[in-house]
N, C-alpha and C. Protein backbone atom coordinates (compact mmCIF):
# COMPACT_ATOMS: atom_id res chain seq x y z
N MET A 1 6.87 7.42 -5.49
CA MET A 1 5.51 7.39 -5.01
C MET A 1 5.38 8.44 -3.91
N THR A 2 4.26 9.10 -3.88
CA THR A 2 4.03 10.11 -2.84
C THR A 2 2.99 9.60 -1.84
N ILE A 3 2.99 10.18 -0.65
CA ILE A 3 2.02 9.81 0.36
C ILE A 3 0.60 10.12 -0.13
N GLU A 4 0.44 11.14 -0.94
CA GLU A 4 -0.88 11.47 -1.48
C GLU A 4 -1.41 10.34 -2.37
N GLN A 5 -0.55 9.74 -3.16
CA GLN A 5 -0.96 8.62 -4.01
C GLN A 5 -1.35 7.41 -3.16
N VAL A 6 -0.61 7.15 -2.11
CA VAL A 6 -0.94 6.04 -1.21
C VAL A 6 -2.26 6.34 -0.50
N LYS A 7 -2.46 7.58 -0.07
CA LYS A 7 -3.69 7.95 0.63
C LYS A 7 -4.92 7.76 -0.26
N GLN A 8 -4.80 8.01 -1.56
CA GLN A 8 -5.93 7.81 -2.49
C GLN A 8 -6.39 6.36 -2.46
N VAL A 9 -5.44 5.43 -2.50
CA VAL A 9 -5.78 4.01 -2.47
C VAL A 9 -6.27 3.62 -1.07
N TYR A 10 -5.60 4.13 -0.05
CA TYR A 10 -5.94 3.84 1.35
C TYR A 10 -7.36 4.30 1.68
N ASN A 11 -7.76 5.48 1.20
CA ASN A 11 -9.06 6.07 1.53
C ASN A 11 -10.19 5.65 0.59
N ALA A 12 -9.91 4.86 -0.42
CA ALA A 12 -10.94 4.44 -1.37
C ALA A 12 -12.07 3.71 -0.64
N GLU A 13 -13.29 3.97 -1.09
CA GLU A 13 -14.47 3.29 -0.54
C GLU A 13 -15.12 2.44 -1.62
N PRO A 14 -15.31 1.18 -1.42
CA PRO A 14 -14.82 0.43 -0.27
C PRO A 14 -13.33 0.19 -0.39
N PHE A 15 -12.67 -0.07 0.73
CA PHE A 15 -11.24 -0.36 0.73
C PHE A 15 -10.98 -1.62 -0.08
N GLN A 16 -9.95 -1.59 -0.91
CA GLN A 16 -9.51 -2.75 -1.67
C GLN A 16 -8.08 -3.07 -1.24
N PRO A 17 -7.78 -4.32 -0.88
CA PRO A 17 -6.39 -4.68 -0.57
C PRO A 17 -5.49 -4.31 -1.75
N PHE A 18 -4.24 -3.96 -1.45
CA PHE A 18 -3.32 -3.58 -2.52
C PHE A 18 -1.91 -4.02 -2.19
N GLN A 19 -1.06 -3.98 -3.21
CA GLN A 19 0.35 -4.32 -3.07
C GLN A 19 1.19 -3.10 -3.42
N MET A 20 2.26 -2.92 -2.65
CA MET A 20 3.25 -1.89 -2.95
C MET A 20 4.44 -2.59 -3.59
N HIS A 21 4.76 -2.19 -4.81
CA HIS A 21 5.89 -2.78 -5.53
C HIS A 21 7.11 -1.88 -5.36
N MET A 22 8.23 -2.50 -5.01
CA MET A 22 9.47 -1.76 -4.73
C MET A 22 10.41 -1.79 -5.94
N ALA A 23 11.34 -0.85 -5.93
CA ALA A 23 12.31 -0.74 -7.01
C ALA A 23 13.18 -1.99 -7.12
N ASP A 24 13.39 -2.71 -6.01
CA ASP A 24 14.23 -3.91 -6.05
C ASP A 24 13.46 -5.18 -6.42
N GLY A 25 12.18 -5.04 -6.79
CA GLY A 25 11.39 -6.18 -7.23
C GLY A 25 10.51 -6.81 -6.16
N ARG A 26 10.71 -6.44 -4.91
CA ARG A 26 9.86 -6.97 -3.84
C ARG A 26 8.48 -6.34 -3.90
N HIS A 27 7.53 -6.98 -3.25
CA HIS A 27 6.22 -6.36 -3.08
C HIS A 27 5.71 -6.68 -1.68
N VAL A 28 4.96 -5.74 -1.13
CA VAL A 28 4.40 -5.86 0.21
C VAL A 28 2.89 -5.67 0.09
N SER A 29 2.13 -6.60 0.66
CA SER A 29 0.67 -6.55 0.60
C SER A 29 0.10 -5.79 1.78
N VAL A 30 -0.92 -4.97 1.51
CA VAL A 30 -1.66 -4.25 2.54
C VAL A 30 -3.07 -4.85 2.53
N ALA A 31 -3.37 -5.66 3.55
CA ALA A 31 -4.63 -6.40 3.59
C ALA A 31 -5.82 -5.54 4.00
N SER A 32 -5.61 -4.58 4.89
CA SER A 32 -6.68 -3.68 5.33
C SER A 32 -6.08 -2.40 5.87
N ARG A 33 -6.91 -1.40 6.10
CA ARG A 33 -6.42 -0.10 6.57
C ARG A 33 -5.64 -0.22 7.87
N GLU A 34 -6.06 -1.13 8.74
CA GLU A 34 -5.42 -1.27 10.04
C GLU A 34 -3.97 -1.73 9.96
N PHE A 35 -3.55 -2.22 8.80
CA PHE A 35 -2.20 -2.74 8.64
C PHE A 35 -1.22 -1.71 8.09
N LEU A 36 -1.64 -0.45 7.92
CA LEU A 36 -0.77 0.58 7.35
C LEU A 36 -0.73 1.79 8.25
N ALA A 37 0.48 2.30 8.53
CA ALA A 37 0.66 3.52 9.32
C ALA A 37 1.67 4.40 8.62
N ALA A 38 1.39 5.70 8.56
CA ALA A 38 2.27 6.65 7.88
C ALA A 38 3.03 7.49 8.90
N ALA A 39 4.28 7.78 8.60
CA ALA A 39 5.08 8.69 9.42
C ALA A 39 4.56 10.11 9.21
N PRO A 40 4.68 10.96 10.22
CA PRO A 40 4.21 12.35 10.07
C PRO A 40 4.84 13.08 8.88
N SER A 41 6.08 12.74 8.55
CA SER A 41 6.75 13.40 7.43
C SER A 41 6.16 13.00 6.09
N GLY A 42 5.50 11.83 6.03
CA GLY A 42 4.94 11.35 4.77
C GLY A 42 5.93 10.62 3.89
N ARG A 43 7.16 10.46 4.34
CA ARG A 43 8.15 9.79 3.50
C ARG A 43 8.15 8.28 3.69
N THR A 44 7.81 7.80 4.88
CA THR A 44 7.82 6.37 5.13
C THR A 44 6.46 5.90 5.64
N VAL A 45 6.19 4.63 5.40
CA VAL A 45 5.02 3.97 5.96
C VAL A 45 5.48 2.66 6.59
N ILE A 46 4.70 2.18 7.52
CA ILE A 46 4.92 0.87 8.11
C ILE A 46 3.75 0.00 7.70
N VAL A 47 4.06 -1.17 7.15
CA VAL A 47 3.03 -2.13 6.77
C VAL A 47 3.18 -3.34 7.68
N TYR A 48 2.12 -3.62 8.43
CA TYR A 48 2.13 -4.75 9.36
C TYR A 48 1.61 -6.01 8.68
N GLU A 49 2.18 -7.14 9.10
CA GLU A 49 1.72 -8.46 8.67
C GLU A 49 0.79 -9.01 9.74
N PRO A 50 -0.05 -10.00 9.40
CA PRO A 50 -0.95 -10.58 10.39
C PRO A 50 -0.25 -11.16 11.63
N ASP A 51 1.03 -11.55 11.50
CA ASP A 51 1.77 -12.12 12.64
C ASP A 51 2.49 -11.05 13.46
N ASP A 52 2.17 -9.76 13.24
CA ASP A 52 2.75 -8.61 13.93
C ASP A 52 4.17 -8.25 13.47
N SER A 53 4.71 -8.95 12.49
CA SER A 53 5.96 -8.48 11.89
C SER A 53 5.60 -7.27 11.03
N PHE A 54 6.59 -6.51 10.59
CA PHE A 54 6.28 -5.31 9.81
C PHE A 54 7.41 -4.95 8.86
N HIS A 55 7.05 -4.11 7.89
CA HIS A 55 7.99 -3.58 6.91
C HIS A 55 7.99 -2.06 7.04
N VAL A 56 9.16 -1.46 7.07
CA VAL A 56 9.28 -0.01 7.02
C VAL A 56 9.61 0.33 5.57
N ILE A 57 8.71 1.06 4.92
CA ILE A 57 8.82 1.32 3.49
C ILE A 57 9.12 2.78 3.23
N ASP A 58 10.21 3.04 2.51
CA ASP A 58 10.54 4.38 2.04
C ASP A 58 9.74 4.59 0.75
N LEU A 59 8.82 5.54 0.77
CA LEU A 59 7.95 5.73 -0.40
C LEU A 59 8.70 6.14 -1.65
N LEU A 60 9.91 6.66 -1.50
CA LEU A 60 10.70 7.00 -2.69
C LEU A 60 11.14 5.75 -3.45
N LEU A 61 11.05 4.58 -2.79
CA LEU A 61 11.45 3.33 -3.42
C LEU A 61 10.26 2.52 -3.93
N VAL A 62 9.04 3.04 -3.76
CA VAL A 62 7.84 2.36 -4.26
C VAL A 62 7.63 2.79 -5.71
N THR A 63 7.53 1.81 -6.59
CA THR A 63 7.38 2.11 -8.02
C THR A 63 5.95 2.00 -8.51
N ASP A 64 5.11 1.25 -7.76
CA ASP A 64 3.76 0.99 -8.26
C ASP A 64 2.87 0.53 -7.11
N LEU A 65 1.58 0.85 -7.19
CA LEU A 65 0.57 0.30 -6.29
C LEU A 65 -0.37 -0.53 -7.14
N LYS A 66 -0.55 -1.78 -6.77
CA LYS A 66 -1.46 -2.65 -7.51
C LYS A 66 -2.64 -2.99 -6.61
N VAL A 67 -3.81 -2.55 -7.01
CA VAL A 67 -5.03 -2.79 -6.24
C VAL A 67 -5.61 -4.12 -6.66
N SER A 68 -6.02 -4.93 -5.68
CA SER A 68 -6.59 -6.25 -5.96
C SER A 68 -7.84 -6.14 -6.80
N ALA A 69 -8.14 -7.20 -7.54
CA ALA A 69 -9.32 -7.22 -8.41
C ALA A 69 -10.58 -7.02 -7.58
N ARG A 70 -11.51 -6.27 -8.13
CA ARG A 70 -12.79 -6.03 -7.47
C ARG A 70 -13.71 -7.22 -7.69
N ALA A 71 -14.78 -7.26 -6.94
CA ALA A 71 -15.75 -8.35 -7.02
C ALA A 71 -16.33 -8.49 -8.43
N ASN A 72 -16.47 -7.36 -9.15
CA ASN A 72 -17.06 -7.41 -10.49
C ASN A 72 -16.05 -7.77 -11.57
N GLY A 73 -14.81 -8.12 -11.15
CA GLY A 73 -13.80 -8.57 -12.10
C GLY A 73 -12.88 -7.48 -12.60
N GLY A 74 -13.17 -6.22 -12.29
CA GLY A 74 -12.31 -5.13 -12.72
C GLY A 74 -11.14 -4.98 -11.77
N SER A 75 -10.14 -4.25 -12.18
CA SER A 75 -9.02 -3.94 -11.30
C SER A 75 -8.63 -2.49 -11.50
N LYS A 76 -7.92 -1.97 -10.53
CA LYS A 76 -7.52 -0.58 -10.58
C LYS A 76 -6.03 -0.51 -10.32
N ARG A 77 -5.30 0.16 -11.14
CA ARG A 77 -3.86 0.25 -10.98
C ARG A 77 -3.48 1.71 -10.99
N ARG A 78 -2.67 2.12 -10.01
CA ARG A 78 -2.20 3.51 -9.91
C ARG A 78 -0.71 3.54 -9.99
């Protein structure tokens, strides 16, 4: 996964919550824009949880982004 692919989902209007699926089978949910921060290099992101815990994600290990279903019932997968 590249930072450009993540930015496409991150910058979508309106924002839709999404999940990052990892090569090891885990997934991390991004509830809103405020919960995601990218490193200047673009290789890693930090995803914060509502309780202030966080995940440091190496984008080379992200296999898929799953965007939550939209209000009209459609979904978008990248």
